[in-house]
């Protein structure tokens, strides 16, 4: 299952993967020195993870798409 949650304490994006027992398998943090916001997360049929969002660097706003495999690579 995929869940998305925004926190106002951080300006980075955190992705956590847990197994069916609730044990943390891995975590990834994405971000710059500026504001980074994740808007969506989904899985494909091969269990690749796709994350969309935006980042603001030096006054410019850019969209991003990140693809991770099931091991977080």
C-alpha atoms as a PDB file:
ATOM      1  CA  UNK A   1       0.000   0.000   0.000  1.00  0.00           C
ATOM      2  CA  UNK A   2       1.074   3.598  -0.609  1.00  0.00           C
ATOM      3  CA  UNK A   3       0.339   6.450   1.738  1.00  0.00           C
ATOM      4  CA  UNK A   4       1.103  10.125   1.337  1.00  0.00           C
ATOM      5  CA  UNK A   5       1.413  12.545   4.236  1.00  0.00           C
ATOM      6  CA  UNK A   6       2.561  16.156   4.432  1.00  0.00           C
ATOM      7  CA  UNK A   7       4.275  17.561   7.498  1.00  0.00           C
ATOM      8  CA  UNK A   8       4.755  21.257   8.162  1.00  0.00           C
ATOM      9  CA  UNK A   9       7.934  20.690  10.203  1.00  0.00           C
ATOM     10  CA  UNK A  10      10.085  19.747   7.226  1.00  0.00           C
ATOM     11  CA  UNK A  11      10.655  20.986   3.720  1.00  0.00           C
ATOM     12  CA  UNK A  12      11.877  17.647   2.359  1.00  0.00           C
ATOM     13  CA  UNK A  13      10.147  14.531   1.076  1.00  0.00           C
ATOM     14  CA  UNK A  14      10.439  11.263   2.995  1.00  0.00           C
ATOM     15  CA  UNK A  15       9.485   7.847   1.594  1.00  0.00           C
ATOM     16  CA  UNK A  16       9.259   4.897   3.995  1.00  0.00           C
ATOM     17  CA  UNK A  17       8.693   1.236   3.122  1.00  0.00           C
ATOM     18  CA  UNK A  18       7.360  -1.189   5.722  1.00  0.00           C
ATOM     19  CA  UNK A  19       6.812  -4.920   5.411  1.00  0.00           C
ATOM     20  CA  UNK A  20       3.503  -6.607   6.245  1.00  0.00           C
ATOM     21  CA  UNK A  21       4.629  -6.970   9.903  1.00  0.00           C
ATOM     22  CA  UNK A  22       5.176  -3.231  10.237  1.00  0.00           C
ATOM     23  CA  UNK A  23       8.985  -3.386  10.243  1.00  0.00           C
ATOM     24  CA  UNK A  24      10.766  -0.581   8.430  1.00  0.00           C
ATOM     25  CA  UNK A  25      12.500  -1.929   5.306  1.00  0.00           C
ATOM     26  CA  UNK A  26      14.097   1.302   4.065  1.00  0.00           C
ATOM     27  CA  UNK A  27      13.669   5.062   3.936  1.00  0.00           C
ATOM     28  CA  UNK A  28      14.671   7.750   1.454  1.00  0.00           C
ATOM     29  CA  UNK A  29      14.761  11.509   1.889  1.00  0.00           C
ATOM     30  CA  UNK A  30      14.666  13.885  -1.074  1.00  0.00           C
ATOM     31  CA  UNK A  31      15.168  17.584  -0.875  1.00  0.00           C
ATOM     32  CA  UNK A  32      17.096  20.733  -1.473  1.00  0.00           C
ATOM     33  CA  UNK A  33      17.957  23.641   0.796  1.00  0.00           C
ATOM     34  CA  UNK A  34      14.662  25.207  -0.304  1.00  0.00           C
ATOM     35  CA  UNK A  35      11.020  24.031  -0.215  1.00  0.00           C
ATOM     36  CA  UNK A  36      10.255  20.541  -1.555  1.00  0.00           C
ATOM     37  CA  UNK A  37       6.719  19.156  -1.622  1.00  0.00           C
ATOM     38  CA  UNK A  38       5.537  15.678  -2.590  1.00  0.00           C
ATOM     39  CA  UNK A  39       2.095  15.586  -4.192  1.00  0.00           C
ATOM     40  CA  UNK A  40       1.587  11.988  -5.249  1.00  0.00           C
ATOM     41  CA  UNK A  41       2.896   8.470  -4.808  1.00  0.00           C
ATOM     42  CA  UNK A  42       1.876   5.281  -6.611  1.00  0.00           C
ATOM     43  CA  UNK A  43       3.072   1.771  -7.474  1.00  0.00           C
ATOM     44  CA  UNK A  44       3.137   0.090 -10.867  1.00  0.00           C
ATOM     45  CA  UNK A  45       2.624  -3.643 -11.529  1.00  0.00           C
ATOM     46  CA  UNK A  46       6.357  -4.308 -10.991  1.00  0.00           C
ATOM     47  CA  UNK A  47       6.227  -2.576  -7.573  1.00  0.00           C
ATOM     48  CA  UNK A  48       8.245   0.410  -8.789  1.00  0.00           C
ATOM     49  CA  UNK A  49       7.401   3.510  -6.784  1.00  0.00           C
ATOM     50  CA  UNK A  50       6.686   6.840  -8.496  1.00  0.00           C
ATOM     51  CA  UNK A  51       6.696  10.116  -6.566  1.00  0.00           C
ATOM     52  CA  UNK A  52       5.645  13.477  -7.997  1.00  0.00           C
ATOM     53  CA  UNK A  53       6.036  16.919  -6.536  1.00  0.00           C
ATOM     54  CA  UNK A  54       7.663  20.298  -6.819  1.00  0.00           C
ATOM     55  CA  UNK A  55      10.837  21.940  -5.619  1.00  0.00           C
ATOM     56  CA  UNK A  56      11.677  25.622  -5.309  1.00  0.00           C
ATOM     57  CA  UNK A  57      15.319  26.594  -5.796  1.00  0.00           C
ATOM     58  CA  UNK A  58      16.544  30.193  -6.172  1.00  0.00           C
ATOM     59  CA  UNK A  59      13.008  31.449  -6.718  1.00  0.00           C
ATOM     60  CA  UNK A  60      12.253  28.961  -9.509  1.00  0.00           C
ATOM     61  CA  UNK A  61       9.657  26.221  -9.124  1.00  0.00           C
ATOM     62  CA  UNK A  62      10.329  22.910 -10.875  1.00  0.00           C
ATOM     63  CA  UNK A  63       8.207  19.780 -11.035  1.00  0.00           C
ATOM     64  CA  UNK A  64       9.814  16.412 -10.449  1.00  0.00           C
ATOM     65  CA  UNK A  65       9.146  12.716 -10.919  1.00  0.00           C
ATOM     66  CA  UNK A  66      11.171  10.151  -8.964  1.00  0.00           C
ATOM     67  CA  UNK A  67      11.149   6.425  -9.724  1.00  0.00           C
ATOM     68  CA  UNK A  68      12.357   3.939  -7.101  1.00  0.00           C
ATOM     69  CA  UNK A  69      12.479   0.179  -7.387  1.00  0.00           C
ATOM     70  CA  UNK A  70      11.036  -2.007  -4.622  1.00  0.00           C
ATOM     71  CA  UNK A  71      14.403  -1.813  -2.795  1.00  0.00           C
ATOM     72  CA  UNK A  72      14.421   1.983  -2.775  1.00  0.00           C
ATOM     73  CA  UNK A  73      17.052   2.364  -5.502  1.00  0.00           C
END
